[in-house]
Amino acid sequence: MQYLVSVIDDTAGLATPDEMAAIDVFNGRLEAAGHWVFAGGLAAPGSATVIDNRGGEAMVTDGPFLESKEYLAGFWIIQAADLDVALKLAAEGSRACNRKVEVRPFR
């Protein structure tokens, strides 16, 4: 089963060099163990563009959908046998990036 592990940040800065090194090591372990599917870091929330095309005309607005202290800073998509394995891996990822993470299974 695949899981989305979202990295939740509440700091103003990017990951430190030590955090980036720890993330690289963690990513390598995910790959070596066959859990790696895809991962990526995201630009700051201020770089977001929101598009709402539910009405007759698309509305485009700059900035994040929500103003919040916390924001999605990056993610991993992992392959795990079950939720227990995914949670264990997510805990390791949280330690590596020094941020909170959220785990959600794909449907």
PDB file of N, CA and C in Angstrom:
ATOM      1  N   MET A   1       0.845  -1.176   0.000  1.00  0.00           N
ATOM      2  CA  MET A   1       0.000   0.000   0.000  1.00  0.00           C
ATOM      3  C   MET A   1       0.888   1.237   0.000  1.00  0.00           C
ATOM      4  N   GLN A   2       0.412   2.291  -0.635  1.00  0.00           N
ATOM      5  CA  GLN A   2       1.173   3.532  -0.657  1.00  0.00           C
ATOM      6  C   GLN A   2       0.604   4.530   0.344  1.00  0.00           C
ATOM      7  N   TYR A   3       1.508   5.338   0.911  1.00  0.00           N
ATOM      8  CA  TYR A   3       1.150   6.344   1.906  1.00  0.00           C
ATOM      9  C   TYR A   3       1.791   7.664   1.545  1.00  0.00           C
ATOM     10  N   LEU A   4       1.076   8.743   1.818  1.00  0.00           N
ATOM     11  CA  LEU A   4       1.615  10.087   1.708  1.00  0.00           C
ATOM     12  C   LEU A   4       2.085  10.505   3.090  1.00  0.00           C
ATOM     13  N   VAL A   5       3.348  10.848   3.205  1.00  0.00           N
ATOM     14  CA  VAL A   5       3.902  11.374   4.454  1.00  0.00           C
ATOM     15  C   VAL A   5       4.175  12.847   4.206  1.00  0.00           C
ATOM     16  N   SER A   6       3.333  13.711   4.765  1.00  0.00           N
ATOM     17  CA  SER A   6       3.436  15.155   4.563  1.00  0.00           C
ATOM     18  C   SER A   6       4.304  15.768   5.651  1.00  0.00           C
ATOM     19  N   VAL A   7       5.228  16.615   5.245  1.00  0.00           N
ATOM     20  CA  VAL A   7       6.097  17.322   6.192  1.00  0.00           C
ATOM     21  C   VAL A   7       5.435  18.645   6.528  1.00  0.00           C
ATOM     22  N   ILE A   8       5.180  18.862   7.811  1.00  0.00           N
ATOM     23  CA  ILE A   8       4.492  20.054   8.290  1.00  0.00           C
ATOM     24  C   ILE A   8       5.518  20.958   8.949  1.00  0.00           C
ATOM     25  N   ASP A   9       5.668  22.161   8.428  1.00  0.00           N
ATOM     26  CA  ASP A   9       6.668  23.093   8.936  1.00  0.00           C
ATOM     27  C   ASP A   9       5.986  24.281   9.588  1.00  0.00           C
ATOM     28  N   ASP A  10       6.604  24.803  10.619  1.00  0.00           N
ATOM     29  CA  ASP A  10       6.109  26.016  11.259  1.00  0.00           C
ATOM     30  C   ASP A  10       7.254  26.989  11.515  1.00  0.00           C
ATOM     31  N   THR A  11       8.332  26.831  10.753  1.00  0.00           N
ATOM     32  CA  THR A  11       9.479  27.720  10.877  1.00  0.00           C
ATOM     33  C   THR A  11       9.564  28.604   9.644  1.00  0.00           C
ATOM     34  N   ALA A  12      10.314  29.678   9.752  1.00  0.00           N
ATOM     35  CA  ALA A  12      10.440  30.603   8.633  1.00  0.00           C
ATOM     36  C   ALA A  12      11.551  30.205   7.668  1.00  0.00           C
ATOM     37  N   GLY A  13      12.461  29.356   8.130  1.00  0.00           N
ATOM     38  CA  GLY A  13      13.614  29.043   7.304  1.00  0.00           C
ATOM     39  C   GLY A  13      13.543  27.685   6.651  1.00  0.00           C
ATOM     40  N   LEU A  14      14.495  27.448   5.767  1.00  0.00           N
ATOM     41  CA  LEU A  14      14.620  26.159   5.115  1.00  0.00           C
ATOM     42  C   LEU A  14      15.322  25.190   6.038  1.00  0.00           C
ATOM     43  N   ALA A  15      15.384  23.954   5.633  1.00  0.00           N
ATOM     44  CA  ALA A  15      16.111  22.942   6.409  1.00  0.00           C
ATOM     45  C   ALA A  15      17.585  23.345   6.505  1.00  0.00           C
ATOM     46  N   THR A  16      18.166  23.060   7.642  1.00  0.00           N
ATOM     47  CA  THR A  16      19.581  23.343   7.847  1.00  0.00           C
ATOM     48  C   THR A  16      20.417  22.325   7.070  1.00  0.00           C
ATOM     49  N   PRO A  17      21.707  22.601   6.878  1.00  0.00           N
ATOM     50  CA  PRO A  17      22.562  21.605   6.224  1.00  0.00           C
ATOM     51  C   PRO A  17      22.557  20.257   6.951  1.00  0.00           C
ATOM     52  N   ASP A  18      22.550  20.266   8.280  1.00  0.00           N
ATOM     53  CA  ASP A  18      22.500  19.010   9.034  1.00  0.00           C
ATOM     54  C   ASP A  18      21.183  18.272   8.793  1.00  0.00           C
ATOM     55  N   GLU A  19      20.066  19.010   8.754  1.00  0.00           N
ATOM     56  CA  GLU A  19      18.771  18.388   8.474  1.00  0.00           C
ATOM     57  C   GLU A  19      18.746  17.816   7.059  1.00  0.00           C
ATOM     58  N   MET A  20      19.280  18.545   6.094  1.00  0.00           N
ATOM     59  CA  MET A  20      19.319  18.048   4.715  1.00  0.00           C
ATOM     60  C   MET A  20      20.161  16.775   4.619  1.00  0.00           C
ATOM     61  N   ALA A  21      21.267  16.738   5.334  1.00  0.00           N
ATOM     62  CA  ALA A  21      22.114  15.536   5.329  1.00  0.00           C
ATOM     63  C   ALA A  21      21.356  14.356   5.929  1.00  0.00           C
ATOM     64  N   ALA A  22      20.631  14.590   7.023  1.00  0.00           N
ATOM     65  CA  ALA A  22      19.850  13.518   7.653  1.00  0.00           C
ATOM     66  C   ALA A  22      18.731  13.046   6.728  1.00  0.00           C
ATOM     67  N   ILE A  23      18.104  13.966   6.016  1.00  0.00           N
ATOM     68  CA  ILE A  23      17.045  13.615   5.061  1.00  0.00           C
ATOM     69  C   ILE A  23      17.627  12.759   3.937  1.00  0.00           C
ATOM     70  N   ASP A  24      18.802  13.135   3.445  1.00  0.00           N
ATOM     71  CA  ASP A  24      19.448  12.348   2.385  1.00  0.00           C
ATOM     72  C   ASP A  24      19.736  10.922   2.852  1.00  0.00           C
ATOM     73  N   VAL A  25      20.202  10.777   4.083  1.00  0.00           N
ATOM     74  CA  VAL A  25      20.470   9.443   4.631  1.00  0.00           C
ATOM     75  C   VAL A  25      19.162   8.656   4.743  1.00  0.00           C
ATOM     76  N   PHE A  26      18.127   9.296   5.261  1.00  0.00           N
ATOM     77  CA  PHE A  26      16.821   8.638   5.383  1.00  0.00           C
ATOM     78  C   PHE A  26      16.298   8.219   4.010  1.00  0.00           C
ATOM     79  N   ASN A  27      16.392   9.112   3.014  1.00  0.00           N
ATOM     80  CA  ASN A  27      15.944   8.777   1.663  1.00  0.00           C
ATOM     81  C   ASN A  27      16.692   7.563   1.128  1.00  0.00           C
ATOM     82  N   GLY A  28      17.983   7.502   1.383  1.00  0.00           N
ATOM     83  CA  GLY A  28      18.782   6.360   0.951  1.00  0.00           C
ATOM     84  C   GLY A  28      18.311   5.060   1.587  1.00  0.00           C
ATOM     85  N   ARG A  29      17.962   5.128   2.874  1.00  0.00           N
ATOM     86  CA  ARG A  29      17.449   3.927   3.562  1.00  0.00           C
ATOM     87  C   ARG A  29      16.096   3.510   2.991  1.00  0.00           C
ATOM     88  N   LEU A  30      15.236   4.491   2.683  1.00  0.00           N
ATOM     89  CA  LEU A  30      13.948   4.166   2.061  1.00  0.00           C
ATOM     90  C   LEU A  30      14.162   3.451   0.726  1.00  0.00           C
ATOM     91  N   GLU A  31      15.070   3.980  -0.081  1.00  0.00           N
ATOM     92  CA  GLU A  31      15.351   3.375  -1.389  1.00  0.00           C
ATOM     93  C   GLU A  31      15.905   1.961  -1.235  1.00  0.00           C
ATOM     94  N   ALA A  32      16.873   1.803  -0.353  1.00  0.00           N
ATOM     95  CA  ALA A  32      17.525   0.499  -0.170  1.00  0.00           C
ATOM     96  C   ALA A  32      16.542  -0.559   0.318  1.00  0.00           C
ATOM     97  N   ALA A  33      15.559  -0.161   1.112  1.00  0.00           N
ATOM     98  CA  ALA A  33      14.602  -1.110   1.678  1.00  0.00           C
ATOM     99  C   ALA A  33      13.366  -1.306   0.785  1.00  0.00           C
ATOM    100  N   GLY A  34      13.305  -0.604  -0.339  1.00  0.00           N
ATOM    101  CA  GLY A  34      12.178  -0.764  -1.251  1.00  0.00           C
ATOM    102  C   GLY A  34      10.930   0.019  -0.871  1.00  0.00           C
ATOM    103  N   HIS A  35      11.052   0.991   0.029  1.00  0.00           N
ATOM    104  CA  HIS A  35       9.899   1.799   0.446  1.00  0.00           C
ATOM    105  C   HIS A  35       9.758   3.072  -0.381  1.00  0.00           C
ATOM    106  N   TRP A  36      10.816   3.468  -1.076  1.00  0.00           N
ATOM    107  CA  TRP A  36      10.840   4.735  -1.807  1.00  0.00           C
ATOM    108  C   TRP A  36       9.927   4.682  -3.024  1.00  0.00           C
ATOM    109  N   VAL A  37       9.044   5.664  -3.176  1.00  0.00           N
ATOM    110  CA  VAL A  37       8.280   5.852  -4.403  1.00  0.00           C
ATOM    111  C   VAL A  37       8.649   7.201  -5.004  1.00  0.00           C
ATOM    112  N   PHE A  38       8.501   8.273  -4.200  1.00  0.00           N
ATOM    113  CA  PHE A  38       8.770   9.621  -4.691  1.00  0.00           C
ATOM    114  C   PHE A  38       8.811  10.556  -3.489  1.00  0.00           C
ATOM    115  N   ALA A  39       9.543  11.638  -3.605  1.00  0.00           N
ATOM    116  CA  ALA A  39       9.570  12.648  -2.542  1.00  0.00           C
ATOM    117  C   ALA A  39       9.900  14.003  -3.154  1.00  0.00           C
ATOM    118  N   GLY A  40       9.571  15.049  -2.432  1.00  0.00           N
ATOM    119  CA  GLY A  40       9.905  16.383  -2.907  1.00  0.00           C
ATOM    120  C   GLY A  40       9.694  17.426  -1.831  1.00  0.00           C
ATOM    121  N   GLY A  41      10.461  18.483  -1.934  1.00  0.00           N
ATOM    122  CA  GLY A  41      10.285  19.646  -1.074  1.00  0.00           C
ATOM    123  C   GLY A  41       9.519  20.705  -1.844  1.00  0.00           C
ATOM    124  N   LEU A  42       8.801  21.530  -1.134  1.00  0.00           N
ATOM    125  CA  LEU A  42       7.975  22.557  -1.769  1.00  0.00           C
ATOM    126  C   LEU A  42       8.503  23.952  -1.450  1.00  0.00           C
ATOM    127  N   ALA A  43       8.287  24.873  -2.375  1.00  0.00           N
ATOM    128  CA  ALA A  43       8.655  26.271  -2.164  1.00  0.00           C
ATOM    129  C   ALA A  43       7.772  26.866  -1.065  1.00  0.00           C
ATOM    130  N   ALA A  44       8.129  28.032  -0.603  1.00  0.00           N
ATOM    131  CA  ALA A  44       7.395  28.721   0.469  1.00  0.00           C
ATOM    132  C   ALA A  44       5.935  28.955   0.077  1.00  0.00           C
ATOM    133  N   PRO A  45       5.032  28.991   1.061  1.00  0.00           N
ATOM    134  CA  PRO A  45       3.611  29.177   0.766  1.00  0.00           C
ATOM    135  C   PRO A  45       3.311  30.442  -0.043  1.00  0.00           C
ATOM    136  N   GLY A  46       4.111  31.471   0.125  1.00  0.00           N
ATOM    137  CA  GLY A  46       3.887  32.710  -0.618  1.00  0.00           C
ATOM    138  C   GLY A  46       4.038  32.554  -2.116  1.00  0.00           C
ATOM    139  N   SER A  47       4.655  31.472  -2.556  1.00  0.00           N
ATOM    140  CA  SER A  47       4.833  31.245  -3.987  1.00  0.00           C
ATOM    141  C   SER A  47       3.641  30.519  -4.609  1.00  0.00           C
ATOM    142  N   ALA A  48       2.659  30.158  -3.798  1.00  0.00           N
ATOM    143  CA  ALA A  48       1.510  29.386  -4.278  1.00  0.00           C
ATOM    144  C   ALA A  48       0.551  30.244  -5.106  1.00  0.00           C
ATOM    145  N   THR A  49      -0.154  29.584  -5.996  1.00  0.00           N
ATOM    146  CA  THR A  49      -1.259  30.185  -6.735  1.00  0.00           C
ATOM    147  C   THR A  49      -2.457  29.256  -6.576  1.00  0.00           C
ATOM    148  N   VAL A  50      -3.595  29.818  -6.212  1.00  0.00           N
ATOM    149  CA  VAL A  50      -4.814  29.045  -6.024  1.00  0.00           C
ATOM    150  C   VAL A  50      -5.741  29.301  -7.204  1.00  0.00           C
ATOM    151  N   ILE A  51      -6.267  28.231  -7.782  1.00  0.00           N
ATOM    152  CA  ILE A  51      -7.186  28.335  -8.910  1.00  0.00           C
ATOM    153  C   ILE A  51      -8.498  27.678  -8.509  1.00  0.00           C
ATOM    154  N   ASP A  52      -9.602  28.413  -8.665  1.00  0.00           N
ATOM    155  CA  ASP A  52     -10.935  27.890  -8.370  1.00  0.00           C
ATOM    156  C   ASP A  52     -11.762  27.987  -9.646  1.00  0.00           C
ATOM    157  N   ASN A  53     -11.978  26.849 -10.274  1.00  0.00           N
ATOM    158  CA  ASN A  53     -12.739  26.823 -11.518  1.00  0.00           C
ATOM    159  C   ASN A  53     -14.046  26.054 -11.331  1.00  0.00           C
ATOM    160  N   ARG A  54     -14.670  26.227 -10.162  1.00  0.00           N
ATOM    161  CA  ARG A  54     -15.944  25.555  -9.902  1.00  0.00           C
ATOM    162  C   ARG A  54     -17.127  26.322 -10.469  1.00  0.00           C
ATOM    163  N   GLY A  55     -16.924  27.584 -10.796  1.00  0.00           N
ATOM    164  CA  GLY A  55     -18.020  28.399 -11.331  1.00  0.00           C
ATOM    165  C   GLY A  55     -17.897  28.557 -12.827  1.00  0.00           C
ATOM    166  N   GLY A  56     -18.420  29.635 -13.322  1.00  0.00           N
ATOM    167  CA  GLY A  56     -18.411  29.876 -14.751  1.00  0.00           C
ATOM    168  C   GLY A  56     -17.065  30.337 -15.282  1.00  0.00           C
ATOM    169  N   GLU A  57     -16.220  30.857 -14.416  1.00  0.00           N
ATOM    170  CA  GLU A  57     -14.926  31.388 -14.843  1.00  0.00           C
ATOM    171  C   GLU A  57     -13.877  31.071 -13.774  1.00  0.00           C
ATOM    172  N   ALA A  58     -12.686  30.687 -14.213  1.00  0.00           N
ATOM    173  CA  ALA A  58     -11.609  30.368 -13.267  1.00  0.00           C
ATOM    174  C   ALA A  58     -11.160  31.625 -12.537  1.00  0.00           C
ATOM    175  N   MET A  59     -11.080  31.522 -11.214  1.00  0.00           N
ATOM    176  CA  MET A  59     -10.551  32.612 -10.395  1.00  0.00           C
ATOM    177  C   MET A  59      -9.146  32.214  -9.964  1.00  0.00           C
ATOM    178  N   VAL A  60      -8.181  33.082 -10.208  1.00  0.00           N
ATOM    179  CA  VAL A  60      -6.786  32.828  -9.878  1.00  0.00           C
ATOM    180  C   VAL A  60      -6.351  33.856  -8.844  1.00  0.00           C
ATOM    181  N   THR A  61      -5.841  33.363  -7.714  1.00  0.00           N
ATOM    182  CA  THR A  61      -5.363  34.260  -6.662  1.00  0.00           C
ATOM    183  C   THR A  61      -3.963  33.839  -6.236  1.00  0.00           C
ATOM    184  N   ASP A  62      -3.160  34.835  -5.905  1.00  0.00           N
ATOM    185  CA  ASP A  62      -1.810  34.566  -5.426  1.00  0.00           C
ATOM    186  C   ASP A  62      -1.840  34.214  -3.953  1.00  0.00           C
ATOM    187  N   GLY A  63      -0.865  33.427  -3.551  1.00  0.00           N
ATOM    188  CA  GLY A  63      -0.715  33.097  -2.144  1.00  0.00           C
ATOM    189  C   GLY A  63      -1.392  31.792  -1.788  1.00  0.00           C
ATOM    190  N   PRO A  64      -1.162  31.345  -0.575  1.00  0.00           N
ATOM    191  CA  PRO A  64      -1.697  30.046  -0.155  1.00  0.00           C
ATOM    192  C   PRO A  64      -3.209  30.080   0.006  1.00  0.00           C
ATOM    193  N   PHE A  65      -3.801  28.892  -0.071  1.00  0.00           N
ATOM    194  CA  PHE A  65      -5.241  28.735   0.119  1.00  0.00           C
ATOM    195  C   PHE A  65      -5.648  29.197   1.512  1.00  0.00           C
ATOM    196  N   LEU A  66      -4.861  28.825   2.512  1.00  0.00           N
ATOM    197  CA  LEU A  66      -5.134  29.194   3.894  1.00  0.00           C
ATOM    198  C   LEU A  66      -3.956  29.964   4.466  1.00  0.00           C
ATOM    199  N   GLU A  67      -4.230  30.966   5.246  1.00  0.00           N
ATOM    200  CA  GLU A  67      -3.187  31.622   6.021  1.00  0.00           C
ATOM    201  C   GLU A  67      -3.043  30.838   7.312  1.00  0.00           C
ATOM    202  N   SER A  68      -1.865  30.327   7.557  1.00  0.00           N
ATOM    203  CA  SER A  68      -1.668  29.465   8.715  1.00  0.00           C
ATOM    204  C   SER A  68      -0.226  29.541   9.171  1.00  0.00           C
ATOM    205  N   LYS A  69      -0.021  29.278  10.447  1.00  0.00           N
ATOM    206  CA  LYS A  69       1.334  29.210  10.989  1.00  0.00           C
ATOM    207  C   LYS A  69       2.064  27.987  10.448  1.00  0.00           C
ATOM    208  N   GLU A  70       1.337  26.913  10.221  1.00  0.00           N
ATOM    209  CA  GLU A  70       1.920  25.676   9.703  1.00  0.00           C
ATOM    210  C   GLU A  70       1.584  25.541   8.221  1.00  0.00           C
ATOM    211  N   TYR A  71       2.486  24.902   7.504  1.00  0.00           N
ATOM    212  CA  TYR A  71       2.263  24.707   6.075  1.00  0.00           C
ATOM    213  C   TYR A  71       2.947  23.434   5.606  1.00  0.00           C
ATOM    214  N   LEU A  72       2.522  22.953   4.436  1.00  0.00           N
ATOM    215  CA  LEU A  72       3.100  21.768   3.830  1.00  0.00           C
ATOM    216  C   LEU A  72       4.438  22.154   3.201  1.00  0.00           C
ATOM    217  N   ALA A  73       5.514  21.592   3.732  1.00  0.00           N
ATOM    218  CA  ALA A  73       6.860  21.949   3.279  1.00  0.00           C
ATOM    219  C   ALA A  73       7.440  20.919   2.318  1.00  0.00           C
ATOM    220  N   GLY A  74       6.914  19.715   2.336  1.00  0.00           N
ATOM    221  CA  GLY A  74       7.420  18.655   1.467  1.00  0.00           C
ATOM    222  C   GLY A  74       6.665  17.379   1.744  1.00  0.00           C
ATOM    223  N   PHE A  75       7.096  16.312   1.084  1.00  0.00           N
ATOM    224  CA  PHE A  75       6.372  15.056   1.242  1.00  0.00           C
ATOM    225  C   PHE A  75       7.231  13.882   0.786  1.00  0.00           C
ATOM    226  N   TRP A  76       6.843  12.720   1.258  1.00  0.00           N
ATOM    227  CA  TRP A  76       7.328  11.447   0.749  1.00  0.00           C
ATOM    228  C   TRP A  76       6.113  10.644   0.336  1.00  0.00           C
ATOM    229  N   ILE A  77       6.218   9.917  -0.730  1.00  0.00           N
ATOM    230  CA  ILE A  77       5.250   8.874  -1.049  1.00  0.00           C
ATOM    231  C   ILE A  77       6.014   7.575  -0.874  1.00  0.00           C
ATOM    232  N   ILE A  78       5.520   6.750   0.046  1.00  0.00           N
ATOM    233  CA  ILE A  78       6.237   5.523   0.392  1.00  0.00           C
ATOM    234  C   ILE A  78       5.362   4.307   0.134  1.00  0.00           C
ATOM    235  N   GLN A  79       6.014   3.193  -0.007  1.00  0.00           N
ATOM    236  CA  GLN A  79       5.355   1.891  -0.135  1.00  0.00           C
ATOM    237  C   GLN A  79       5.609   1.147   1.171  1.00  0.00           C
ATOM    238  N   ALA A  80       4.555   0.687   1.824  1.00  0.00           N
ATOM    239  CA  ALA A  80       4.701  -0.042   3.082  1.00  0.00           C
ATOM    240  C   ALA A  80       3.667  -1.160   3.137  1.00  0.00           C
ATOM    241  N   ALA A  81       4.013  -2.236   3.812  1.00  0.00           N
ATOM    242  CA  ALA A  81       3.124  -3.394   3.907  1.00  0.00           C
ATOM    243  C   ALA A  81       1.821  -3.060   4.622  1.00  0.00           C
ATOM    244  N   ASP A  82       1.898  -2.174   5.609  1.00  0.00           N
ATOM    245  CA  ASP A  82       0.707  -1.810   6.373  1.00  0.00           C
ATOM    246  C   ASP A  82       0.949  -0.490   7.097  1.00  0.00           C
ATOM    247  N   LEU A  83      -0.076  -0.017   7.808  1.00  0.00           N
ATOM    248  CA  LEU A  83       0.005   1.273   8.493  1.00  0.00           C
ATOM    249  C   LEU A  83       1.088   1.273   9.565  1.00  0.00           C
ATOM    250  N   ASP A  84       1.264   0.168  10.268  1.00  0.00           N
ATOM    251  CA  ASP A  84       2.295   0.125  11.306  1.00  0.00           C
ATOM    252  C   ASP A  84       3.683   0.388  10.724  1.00  0.00           C
ATOM    253  N   VAL A  85       3.976  -0.206   9.588  1.00  0.00           N
ATOM    254  CA  VAL A  85       5.271   0.022   8.933  1.00  0.00           C
ATOM    255  C   VAL A  85       5.364   1.474   8.477  1.00  0.00           C
ATOM    256  N   ALA A  86       4.283   2.000   7.893  1.00  0.00           N
ATOM    257  CA  ALA A  86       4.271   3.388   7.431  1.00  0.00           C
ATOM    258  C   ALA A  86       4.509   4.356   8.586  1.00  0.00           C
ATOM    259  N   LEU A  87       3.896   4.090   9.725  1.00  0.00           N
ATOM    260  CA  LEU A  87       4.073   4.969  10.888  1.00  0.00           C
ATOM    261  C   LEU A  87       5.501   4.909  11.422  1.00  0.00           C
ATOM    262  N   LYS A  88       6.098   3.739  11.413  1.00  0.00           N
ATOM    263  CA  LYS A  88       7.488   3.604  11.850  1.00  0.00           C
ATOM    264  C   LYS A  88       8.407   4.397  10.925  1.00  0.00           C
ATOM    265  N   LEU A  89       8.195   4.255   9.619  1.00  0.00           N
ATOM    266  CA  LEU A  89       9.002   5.004   8.657  1.00  0.00           C
ATOM    267  C   LEU A  89       8.774   6.512   8.795  1.00  0.00           C
ATOM    268  N   ALA A  90       7.530   6.913   8.999  1.00  0.00           N
ATOM    269  CA  ALA A  90       7.218   8.331   9.161  1.00  0.00           C
ATOM    270  C   ALA A  90       7.894   8.909  10.401  1.00  0.00           C
ATOM    271  N   ALA A  91       7.958   8.130  11.475  1.00  0.00           N
ATOM    272  CA  ALA A  91       8.647   8.592  12.689  1.00  0.00           C
ATOM    273  C   ALA A  91      10.127   8.820  12.397  1.00  0.00           C
ATOM    274  N   GLU A  92      10.723   7.935  11.602  1.00  0.00           N
ATOM    275  CA  GLU A  92      12.127   8.118  11.218  1.00  0.00           C
ATOM    276  C   GLU A  92      12.283   9.356  10.337  1.00  0.00           C
ATOM    277  N   GLY A  93      11.341   9.580   9.436  1.00  0.00           N
ATOM    278  CA  GLY A  93      11.374  10.765   8.588  1.00  0.00           C
ATOM    279  C   GLY A  93      11.216  12.039   9.384  1.00  0.00           C
ATOM    280  N   SER A  94      10.340  12.025  10.370  1.00  0.00           N
ATOM    281  CA  SER A  94      10.150  13.186  11.242  1.00  0.00           C
ATOM    282  C   SER A  94      11.438  13.533  11.972  1.00  0.00           C
ATOM    283  N   ARG A  95      12.124  12.510  12.454  1.00  0.00           N
ATOM    284  CA  ARG A  95      13.399  12.749  13.136  1.00  0.00           C
ATOM    285  C   ARG A  95      14.430  13.319  12.161  1.00  0.00           C
ATOM    286  N   ALA A  96      14.471  12.760  10.956  1.00  0.00           N
ATOM    287  CA  ALA A  96      15.459  13.194   9.968  1.00  0.00           C
ATOM    288  C   ALA A  96      15.265  14.655   9.564  1.00  0.00           C
ATOM    289  N   CYS A  97      14.020  15.046   9.299  1.00  0.00           N
ATOM    290  CA  CYS A  97      13.781  16.419   8.833  1.00  0.00           C
ATOM    291  C   CYS A  97      13.527  17.399   9.972  1.00  0.00           C
ATOM    292  N   ASN A  98      13.390  16.872  11.186  1.00  0.00           N
ATOM    293  CA  ASN A  98      13.170  17.711  12.362  1.00  0.00           C
ATOM    294  C   ASN A  98      11.873  18.526  12.249  1.00  0.00           C
ATOM    295  N   ARG A  99      10.853  17.885  11.710  1.00  0.00           N
ATOM    296  CA  ARG A  99       9.543  18.508  11.544  1.00  0.00           C
ATOM    297  C   ARG A  99       8.464  17.474  11.885  1.00  0.00           C
ATOM    298  N   LYS A 100       7.250  17.952  12.137  1.00  0.00           N
ATOM    299  CA  LYS A 100       6.111  17.053  12.280  1.00  0.00           C
ATOM    300  C   LYS A 100       5.770  16.487  10.910  1.00  0.00           C
ATOM    301  N   VAL A 101       5.202  15.296  10.892  1.00  0.00           N
ATOM    302  CA  VAL A 101       4.712  14.716   9.648  1.00  0.00           C
ATOM    303  C   VAL A 101       3.319  14.163   9.863  1.00  0.00           C
ATOM    304  N   GLU A 102       2.576  14.063   8.778  1.00  0.00           N
ATOM    305  CA  GLU A 102       1.250  13.452   8.778  1.00  0.00           C
ATOM    306  C   GLU A 102       1.276  12.282   7.809  1.00  0.00           C
ATOM    307  N   VAL A 103       0.659  11.165   8.192  1.00  0.00           N
ATOM    308  CA  VAL A 103       0.626   9.972   7.350  1.00  0.00           C
ATOM    309  C   VAL A 103      -0.816   9.735   6.893  1.00  0.00           C
ATOM    310  N   ARG A 104      -0.978   9.553   5.581  1.00  0.00           N
ATOM    311  CA  ARG A 104      -2.316   9.252   5.039  1.00  0.00           C
ATOM    312  C   ARG A 104      -2.185   8.199   3.956  1.00  0.00           C
ATOM    313  N   PRO A 105      -3.007   7.154   4.013  1.00  0.00           N
ATOM    314  CA  PRO A 105      -2.973   6.136   2.967  1.00  0.00           C
ATOM    315  C   PRO A 105      -3.647   6.655   1.696  1.00  0.00           C
ATOM    316  N   PHE A 106      -3.176   6.156   0.567  1.00  0.00           N
ATOM    317  CA  PHE A 106      -3.873   6.413  -0.686  1.00  0.00           C
ATOM    318  C   PHE A 106      -5.079   5.482  -0.752  1.00  0.00           C
ATOM    319  N   ARG A 107      -6.097   5.908  -1.428  1.00  0.00           N
ATOM    320  CA  ARG A 107      -7.294   5.072  -1.585  1.00  0.00           C
ATOM    321  C   ARG A 107      -7.073   4.015  -2.617  1.00  0.00           C
TER     322      ARG A 107
END
